[in-house]
Amino acid sequence: MKLEPFYRTALYYETDKMAVVHHSNYLRWLEEARLDFLSQIGLPYDKMEKDGIMIPVLSASCQYKYAVRFNDTVRVKMKLEDFTGLKFKISYRVTDKETDEIRLIAETAHFFVDNDFKPIRIKNTAPDIYNKFKSIVGVDLYE
């Protein structure tokens, strides 16, 4: 399975007084990329929610390497780094579309819950999701 990177162009309203994308917007971009990633691996998030499965964020960390400015386009590539069946971690590499210069390195951690926000073991609840996640842990899906 080979995925297409997620591309995002910085919008004017996302910038601050210094004319760079405000740091809080990168988290939104990571979420947009994560939803795209799930769709590309055959697990659209809207279907997961309809099936009573949600994946809230436990933590997020970002290392800002170089500013993104209005109208710059970045490429986001992700990797499922760790997966236990209850929790998982995703790493992100955000690069300039034209120069491939690293703009951001990030990581988010998530867990599976039901509609009542009770943690669930996805292996029992949705074996198809478990098997898909298990098959891509540590795999670079963009090569």
N, C-alpha and C. Protein backbone atom coordinates (compact mmCIF):
# COMPACT_ATOMS: atom_id res chain seq x y z
N MET A 1 0.84 -1.17 0.00
CA MET A 1 0.00 0.00 0.00
C MET A 1 0.89 1.24 0.00
N LYS A 2 0.64 2.13 -0.94
CA LYS A 2 1.38 3.39 -1.01
C LYS A 2 0.40 4.54 -0.89
N LEU A 3 0.70 5.47 0.03
CA LEU A 3 -0.18 6.60 0.28
C LEU A 3 0.32 7.85 -0.42
N GLU A 4 -0.61 8.75 -0.67
CA GLU A 4 -0.27 10.08 -1.18
C GLU A 4 -0.08 10.99 0.03
N PRO A 5 0.97 11.82 0.03
CA PRO A 5 1.12 12.77 1.14
C PRO A 5 -0.07 13.73 1.18
N PHE A 6 -0.29 14.31 2.33
CA PHE A 6 -1.32 15.33 2.50
C PHE A 6 -0.68 16.68 2.25
N TYR A 7 -1.31 17.51 1.42
CA TYR A 7 -0.78 18.84 1.13
C TYR A 7 -1.70 19.89 1.74
N ARG A 8 -1.08 20.95 2.25
CA ARG A 8 -1.86 22.03 2.87
C ARG A 8 -1.19 23.36 2.55
N THR A 9 -1.97 24.30 2.05
CA THR A 9 -1.47 25.64 1.76
C THR A 9 -1.88 26.56 2.90
N ALA A 10 -0.92 27.32 3.41
CA ALA A 10 -1.18 28.23 4.52
C ALA A 10 -2.10 29.37 4.07
N LEU A 11 -3.17 29.57 4.80
CA LEU A 11 -4.13 30.62 4.50
C LEU A 11 -3.78 31.89 5.29
N TYR A 12 -4.20 33.02 4.75
CA TYR A 12 -3.85 34.30 5.37
C TYR A 12 -4.31 34.39 6.82
N TYR A 13 -5.54 33.97 7.10
CA TYR A 13 -6.07 34.09 8.47
C TYR A 13 -5.33 33.22 9.47
N GLU A 14 -4.53 32.27 8.99
CA GLU A 14 -3.77 31.40 9.89
C GLU A 14 -2.45 32.03 10.34
N THR A 15 -2.11 33.18 9.77
CA THR A 15 -0.84 33.82 10.11
C THR A 15 -1.03 34.81 11.26
N ASP A 16 0.09 35.18 11.87
CA ASP A 16 0.06 36.13 12.97
C ASP A 16 0.72 37.44 12.56
N LYS A 17 0.95 38.30 13.51
CA LYS A 17 1.53 39.62 13.24
C LYS A 17 2.93 39.51 12.61
N MET A 18 3.61 38.40 12.84
CA MET A 18 4.95 38.20 12.27
C MET A 18 4.88 37.63 10.86
N ALA A 19 3.66 37.46 10.34
CA ALA A 19 3.42 36.97 8.98
C ALA A 19 3.80 35.50 8.80
N VAL A 20 3.76 34.75 9.90
CA VAL A 20 4.00 33.31 9.84
C VAL A 20 2.77 32.60 10.39
N VAL A 21 2.61 31.35 10.04
CA VAL A 21 1.49 30.57 10.54
C VAL A 21 1.60 30.47 12.06
N HIS A 22 0.51 30.81 12.74
CA HIS A 22 0.48 30.73 14.21
C HIS A 22 0.63 29.27 14.62
N HIS A 23 1.39 29.03 15.68
CA HIS A 23 1.72 27.66 16.10
C HIS A 23 0.49 26.80 16.35
N SER A 24 -0.61 27.37 16.79
CA SER A 24 -1.80 26.57 17.09
C SER A 24 -2.40 25.94 15.83
N ASN A 25 -2.18 26.53 14.69
CA ASN A 25 -2.76 26.01 13.45
C ASN A 25 -2.12 24.71 12.99
N TYR A 26 -0.89 24.47 13.40
CA TYR A 26 -0.24 23.22 12.99
C TYR A 26 -1.00 22.01 13.53
N LEU A 27 -1.55 22.13 14.73
CA LEU A 27 -2.32 21.02 15.29
C LEU A 27 -3.56 20.72 14.44
N ARG A 28 -4.18 21.76 13.91
CA ARG A 28 -5.31 21.56 13.00
C ARG A 28 -4.85 20.83 11.74
N TRP A 29 -3.70 21.25 11.22
CA TRP A 29 -3.19 20.60 10.01
C TRP A 29 -2.90 19.12 10.27
N LEU A 30 -2.37 18.81 11.45
CA LEU A 30 -2.09 17.41 11.78
C LEU A 30 -3.38 16.61 11.82
N GLU A 31 -4.44 17.22 12.36
CA GLU A 31 -5.73 16.53 12.39
C GLU A 31 -6.27 16.31 10.98
N GLU A 32 -6.17 17.32 10.13
CA GLU A 32 -6.61 17.17 8.75
C GLU A 32 -5.83 16.05 8.06
N ALA A 33 -4.53 16.02 8.29
CA ALA A 33 -3.68 14.98 7.70
C ALA A 33 -4.05 13.60 8.24
N ARG A 34 -4.33 13.54 9.55
CA ARG A 34 -4.69 12.26 10.18
C ARG A 34 -5.99 11.70 9.59
N LEU A 35 -6.98 12.56 9.37
CA LEU A 35 -8.23 12.11 8.77
C LEU A 35 -8.01 11.63 7.34
N ASP A 36 -7.15 12.32 6.61
CA ASP A 36 -6.81 11.90 5.25
C ASP A 36 -6.09 10.55 5.28
N PHE A 37 -5.16 10.40 6.20
CA PHE A 37 -4.40 9.15 6.38
C PHE A 37 -5.36 7.98 6.63
N LEU A 38 -6.29 8.18 7.57
CA LEU A 38 -7.25 7.11 7.89
C LEU A 38 -8.09 6.74 6.67
N SER A 39 -8.52 7.73 5.92
CA SER A 39 -9.29 7.44 4.70
C SER A 39 -8.46 6.65 3.70
N GLN A 40 -7.21 7.06 3.53
CA GLN A 40 -6.36 6.38 2.55
C GLN A 40 -6.06 4.93 2.93
N ILE A 41 -6.04 4.62 4.23
CA ILE A 41 -5.79 3.23 4.62
C ILE A 41 -7.09 2.43 4.72
N GLY A 42 -8.19 3.06 4.31
CA GLY A 42 -9.46 2.35 4.26
C GLY A 42 -10.28 2.40 5.53
N LEU A 43 -9.97 3.37 6.40
CA LEU A 43 -10.68 3.49 7.67
C LEU A 43 -11.19 4.93 7.84
N PRO A 44 -12.14 5.35 7.01
CA PRO A 44 -12.63 6.73 7.13
C PRO A 44 -13.20 6.98 8.52
N TYR A 45 -12.81 8.13 9.10
CA TYR A 45 -13.17 8.41 10.48
C TYR A 45 -14.67 8.56 10.67
N ASP A 46 -15.37 9.10 9.69
CA ASP A 46 -16.82 9.23 9.85
C ASP A 46 -17.49 7.87 9.98
N LYS A 47 -16.97 6.86 9.28
CA LYS A 47 -17.51 5.50 9.41
C LYS A 47 -17.17 4.94 10.80
N MET A 48 -15.95 5.19 11.27
CA MET A 48 -15.58 4.72 12.60
C MET A 48 -16.52 5.31 13.66
N GLU A 49 -16.81 6.61 13.54
CA GLU A 49 -17.72 7.24 14.50
C GLU A 49 -19.12 6.66 14.42
N LYS A 50 -19.59 6.39 13.21
CA LYS A 50 -20.91 5.76 13.05
C LYS A 50 -20.95 4.38 13.71
N ASP A 51 -19.79 3.71 13.71
CA ASP A 51 -19.68 2.40 14.33
C ASP A 51 -19.41 2.49 15.84
N GLY A 52 -19.41 3.71 16.38
CA GLY A 52 -19.24 3.90 17.82
C GLY A 52 -17.80 3.90 18.29
N ILE A 53 -16.86 4.22 17.39
CA ILE A 53 -15.43 4.23 17.75
C ILE A 53 -14.89 5.63 17.52
N MET A 54 -14.25 6.17 18.57
CA MET A 54 -13.60 7.48 18.46
C MET A 54 -12.15 7.36 18.91
N ILE A 55 -11.32 8.30 18.43
CA ILE A 55 -9.90 8.27 18.78
C ILE A 55 -9.44 9.66 19.26
N PRO A 56 -9.74 9.99 20.51
CA PRO A 56 -9.30 11.29 21.03
C PRO A 56 -7.78 11.37 21.16
N VAL A 57 -7.31 12.59 21.22
CA VAL A 57 -5.88 12.86 21.38
C VAL A 57 -5.52 12.80 22.86
N LEU A 58 -4.48 12.04 23.17
CA LEU A 58 -3.94 12.00 24.53
C LEU A 58 -2.86 13.05 24.73
N SER A 59 -2.03 13.23 23.69
CA SER A 59 -0.96 14.21 23.78
C SER A 59 -0.53 14.61 22.38
N ALA A 60 0.10 15.76 22.31
CA ALA A 60 0.65 16.25 21.04
C ALA A 60 1.94 17.02 21.34
N SER A 61 2.94 16.79 20.53
CA SER A 61 4.18 17.55 20.68
C SER A 61 4.66 17.97 19.30
N CYS A 62 5.19 19.18 19.24
CA CYS A 62 5.66 19.74 17.96
C CYS A 62 7.02 20.38 18.14
N GLN A 63 7.89 20.14 17.17
CA GLN A 63 9.17 20.83 17.09
C GLN A 63 9.10 21.69 15.83
N TYR A 64 9.05 23.01 16.03
CA TYR A 64 8.96 23.94 14.92
C TYR A 64 10.37 24.20 14.40
N LYS A 65 10.62 23.80 13.16
CA LYS A 65 11.97 23.91 12.60
C LYS A 65 12.16 25.17 11.77
N TYR A 66 11.12 25.53 11.00
CA TYR A 66 11.23 26.69 10.13
C TYR A 66 9.83 27.20 9.85
N ALA A 67 9.65 28.49 9.87
CA ALA A 67 8.32 29.08 9.74
C ALA A 67 7.65 28.78 8.39
N VAL A 68 6.34 28.61 8.45
CA VAL A 68 5.51 28.52 7.26
C VAL A 68 4.82 29.87 7.13
N ARG A 69 4.86 30.42 5.94
CA ARG A 69 4.26 31.74 5.69
C ARG A 69 3.03 31.61 4.81
N PHE A 70 2.27 32.70 4.77
CA PHE A 70 1.08 32.75 3.94
C PHE A 70 1.39 32.25 2.53
N ASN A 71 0.53 31.36 2.05
CA ASN A 71 0.56 30.80 0.70
C ASN A 71 1.64 29.75 0.48
N ASP A 72 2.46 29.45 1.49
CA ASP A 72 3.38 28.31 1.37
C ASP A 72 2.55 27.03 1.38
N THR A 73 2.99 26.06 0.62
CA THR A 73 2.34 24.75 0.64
C THR A 73 3.29 23.75 1.26
N VAL A 74 2.76 22.98 2.21
CA VAL A 74 3.56 21.96 2.89
C VAL A 74 3.01 20.57 2.58
N ARG A 75 3.89 19.60 2.75
CA ARG A 75 3.56 18.18 2.57
C ARG A 75 3.64 17.52 3.93
N VAL A 76 2.62 16.75 4.28
CA VAL A 76 2.61 16.06 5.57
C VAL A 76 2.65 14.56 5.30
N LYS A 77 3.66 13.91 5.88
CA LYS A 77 3.76 12.46 5.83
C LYS A 77 3.70 11.95 7.26
N MET A 78 3.04 10.82 7.43
CA MET A 78 2.81 10.28 8.76
C MET A 78 3.28 8.83 8.84
N LYS A 79 3.51 8.40 10.08
CA LYS A 79 3.83 7.00 10.31
C LYS A 79 3.23 6.57 11.63
N LEU A 80 2.58 5.41 11.61
CA LEU A 80 2.09 4.81 12.85
C LEU A 80 3.29 4.20 13.55
N GLU A 81 3.73 4.83 14.63
CA GLU A 81 4.97 4.43 15.31
C GLU A 81 4.77 3.32 16.33
N ASP A 82 3.62 3.34 16.99
CA ASP A 82 3.38 2.38 18.07
C ASP A 82 1.89 2.09 18.13
N PHE A 83 1.56 0.84 18.44
CA PHE A 83 0.16 0.44 18.51
C PHE A 83 0.02 -0.72 19.47
N THR A 84 -0.84 -0.55 20.48
CA THR A 84 -1.01 -1.59 21.50
C THR A 84 -2.36 -2.29 21.41
N GLY A 85 -3.25 -1.77 20.58
CA GLY A 85 -4.61 -2.28 20.55
C GLY A 85 -5.55 -1.40 21.34
N LEU A 86 -5.00 -0.60 22.22
CA LEU A 86 -5.77 0.39 22.99
C LEU A 86 -5.28 1.80 22.64
N LYS A 87 -3.97 1.97 22.61
CA LYS A 87 -3.35 3.27 22.32
C LYS A 87 -2.48 3.16 21.08
N PHE A 88 -2.20 4.34 20.50
CA PHE A 88 -1.25 4.39 19.38
C PHE A 88 -0.61 5.76 19.28
N LYS A 89 0.56 5.80 18.64
CA LYS A 89 1.29 7.04 18.40
C LYS A 89 1.54 7.21 16.91
N ILE A 90 1.40 8.44 16.46
CA ILE A 90 1.66 8.78 15.07
C ILE A 90 2.75 9.85 15.04
N SER A 91 3.74 9.68 14.15
CA SER A 91 4.73 10.73 13.93
C SER A 91 4.41 11.43 12.62
N TYR A 92 4.77 12.71 12.57
CA TYR A 92 4.49 13.54 11.40
C TYR A 92 5.78 14.24 10.98
N ARG A 93 5.92 14.37 9.68
CA ARG A 93 7.03 15.14 9.12
C ARG A 93 6.41 16.11 8.12
N VAL A 94 6.52 17.39 8.41
CA VAL A 94 5.93 18.43 7.57
C VAL A 94 7.07 19.14 6.85
N THR A 95 7.03 19.09 5.52
CA THR A 95 8.09 19.68 4.72
C THR A 95 7.51 20.64 3.68
N ASP A 96 8.35 21.56 3.24
CA ASP A 96 7.94 22.47 2.17
C ASP A 96 7.75 21.66 0.89
N LYS A 97 6.65 21.92 0.19
CA LYS A 97 6.34 21.17 -1.03
C LYS A 97 7.41 21.35 -2.10
N GLU A 98 7.93 22.57 -2.23
CA GLU A 98 8.90 22.87 -3.29
C GLU A 98 10.33 22.49 -2.94
N THR A 99 10.76 22.81 -1.72
CA THR A 99 12.18 22.63 -1.36
C THR A 99 12.44 21.38 -0.53
N ASP A 100 11.39 20.76 0.01
CA ASP A 100 11.49 19.61 0.91
C ASP A 100 12.15 19.95 2.25
N GLU A 101 12.30 21.25 2.54
CA GLU A 101 12.85 21.69 3.81
C GLU A 101 11.89 21.33 4.94
N ILE A 102 12.44 20.80 6.03
CA ILE A 102 11.62 20.41 7.18
C ILE A 102 11.07 21.66 7.85
N ARG A 103 9.77 21.69 8.04
CA ARG A 103 9.12 22.81 8.72
C ARG A 103 8.69 22.42 10.13
N LEU A 104 8.28 21.16 10.31
CA LEU A 104 7.75 20.72 11.59
C LEU A 104 7.94 19.22 11.73
N ILE A 105 8.31 18.80 12.92
CA ILE A 105 8.31 17.39 13.29
C ILE A 105 7.38 17.28 14.48
N ALA A 106 6.45 16.33 14.43
CA ALA A 106 5.45 16.25 15.49
C ALA A 106 5.10 14.80 15.81
N GLU A 107 4.40 14.64 16.92
CA GLU A 107 3.90 13.34 17.33
C GLU A 107 2.60 13.54 18.09
N THR A 108 1.64 12.67 17.83
CA THR A 108 0.41 12.66 18.62
C THR A 108 0.18 11.25 19.15
N ALA A 109 -0.45 11.18 20.31
CA ALA A 109 -0.83 9.90 20.90
C ALA A 109 -2.35 9.90 21.04
N HIS A 110 -2.93 8.73 20.82
CA HIS A 110 -4.38 8.58 20.82
C HIS A 110 -4.77 7.28 21.51
N PHE A 111 -6.07 7.14 21.81
CA PHE A 111 -6.59 5.87 22.29
C PHE A 111 -8.00 5.69 21.75
N PHE A 112 -8.47 4.48 21.78
CA PHE A 112 -9.79 4.15 21.27
C PHE A 112 -10.81 4.20 22.40
N VAL A 113 -11.94 4.86 22.12
CA VAL A 113 -13.04 4.91 23.08
C VAL A 113 -14.36 4.65 22.35
N ASP A 114 -15.37 4.30 23.14
CA ASP A 114 -16.72 4.14 22.58
C ASP A 114 -17.47 5.46 22.71
N ASN A 115 -18.74 5.46 22.37
CA ASN A 115 -19.54 6.68 22.41
C ASN A 115 -19.69 7.26 23.82
N ASP A 116 -19.47 6.44 24.84
CA ASP A 116 -19.54 6.91 26.22
C ASP A 116 -18.16 7.31 26.76
N PHE A 117 -17.19 7.38 25.87
CA PHE A 117 -15.80 7.71 26.20
C PHE A 117 -15.14 6.68 27.11
N LYS A 118 -15.61 5.45 27.04
CA LYS A 118 -14.96 4.37 27.77
C LYS A 118 -13.93 3.73 26.86
N PRO A 119 -12.71 3.53 27.37
CA PRO A 119 -11.67 2.91 26.54
C PRO A 119 -12.11 1.53 26.04
N ILE A 120 -11.72 1.23 24.81
CA ILE A 120 -12.05 -0.07 24.23
C ILE A 120 -10.79 -0.71 23.64
N ARG A 121 -10.75 -2.01 23.69
CA ARG A 121 -9.69 -2.77 23.02
C ARG A 121 -10.20 -3.04 21.61
N ILE A 122 -9.57 -2.43 20.67
CA ILE A 122 -10.04 -2.45 19.29
C ILE A 122 -10.00 -3.86 18.69
N LYS A 123 -9.13 -4.71 19.20
CA LYS A 123 -9.05 -6.09 18.69
C LYS A 123 -10.38 -6.81 18.88
N ASN A 124 -11.04 -6.55 20.01
CA ASN A 124 -12.32 -7.20 20.29
C ASN A 124 -13.48 -6.48 19.62
N THR A 125 -13.42 -5.16 19.60
CA THR A 125 -14.52 -4.34 19.10
C THR A 125 -14.56 -4.28 17.58
N ALA A 126 -13.39 -4.12 16.95
CA ALA A 126 -13.31 -3.98 15.49
C ALA A 126 -12.03 -4.63 14.99
N PRO A 127 -12.04 -5.96 14.82
CA PRO A 127 -10.83 -6.66 14.38
C PRO A 127 -10.25 -6.14 13.07
N ASP A 128 -11.11 -5.61 12.18
CA ASP A 128 -10.60 -5.07 10.92
C ASP A 128 -9.69 -3.87 11.16
N ILE A 129 -10.06 -3.00 12.09
CA ILE A 129 -9.23 -1.84 12.43
C ILE A 129 -7.94 -2.32 13.10
N TYR A 130 -8.07 -3.25 14.03
CA TYR A 130 -6.89 -3.81 14.71
C TYR A 130 -5.91 -4.38 13.69
N ASN A 131 -6.40 -5.19 12.78
CA ASN A 131 -5.52 -5.84 11.79
C ASN A 131 -4.87 -4.82 10.87
N LYS A 132 -5.61 -3.80 10.46
CA LYS A 132 -5.05 -2.77 9.59
C LYS A 132 -3.95 -2.01 10.32
N PHE A 133 -4.21 -1.57 11.55
CA PHE A 133 -3.20 -0.85 12.31
C PHE A 133 -1.97 -1.74 12.55
N LYS A 134 -2.21 -2.98 12.94
CA LYS A 134 -1.10 -3.90 13.22
C LYS A 134 -0.21 -4.08 11.99
N SER A 135 -0.83 -4.09 10.81
CA SER A 135 -0.06 -4.33 9.57
C SER A 135 0.79 -3.13 9.13
N ILE A 136 0.52 -1.93 9.67
CA ILE A 136 1.27 -0.76 9.20
C ILE A 136 2.18 -0.12 10.27
N VAL A 137 2.26 -0.71 11.45
CA VAL A 137 3.12 -0.15 12.49
C VAL A 137 4.56 -0.11 11.99
N GLY A 138 5.15 1.09 12.04
CA GLY A 138 6.55 1.27 11.66
C GLY A 138 6.82 1.27 10.17
N VAL A 139 5.78 1.15 9.35
CA VAL A 139 5.96 1.06 7.90
C VAL A 139 5.88 2.45 7.28
N ASP A 140 6.84 2.78 6.41
CA ASP A 140 6.79 4.03 5.66
C ASP A 140 5.86 3.80 4.48
N LEU A 141 4.67 4.35 4.54
CA LEU A 141 3.66 4.09 3.52
C LEU A 141 3.76 5.04 2.33
N TYR A 142 4.79 5.89 2.32
CA TYR A 142 4.94 6.85 1.23
C TYR A 142 6.05 6.46 0.25
N GLU A 143 6.76 5.41 0.53
CA GLU A 143 7.86 4.97 -0.35
C GLU A 143 7.37 3.99 -1.38
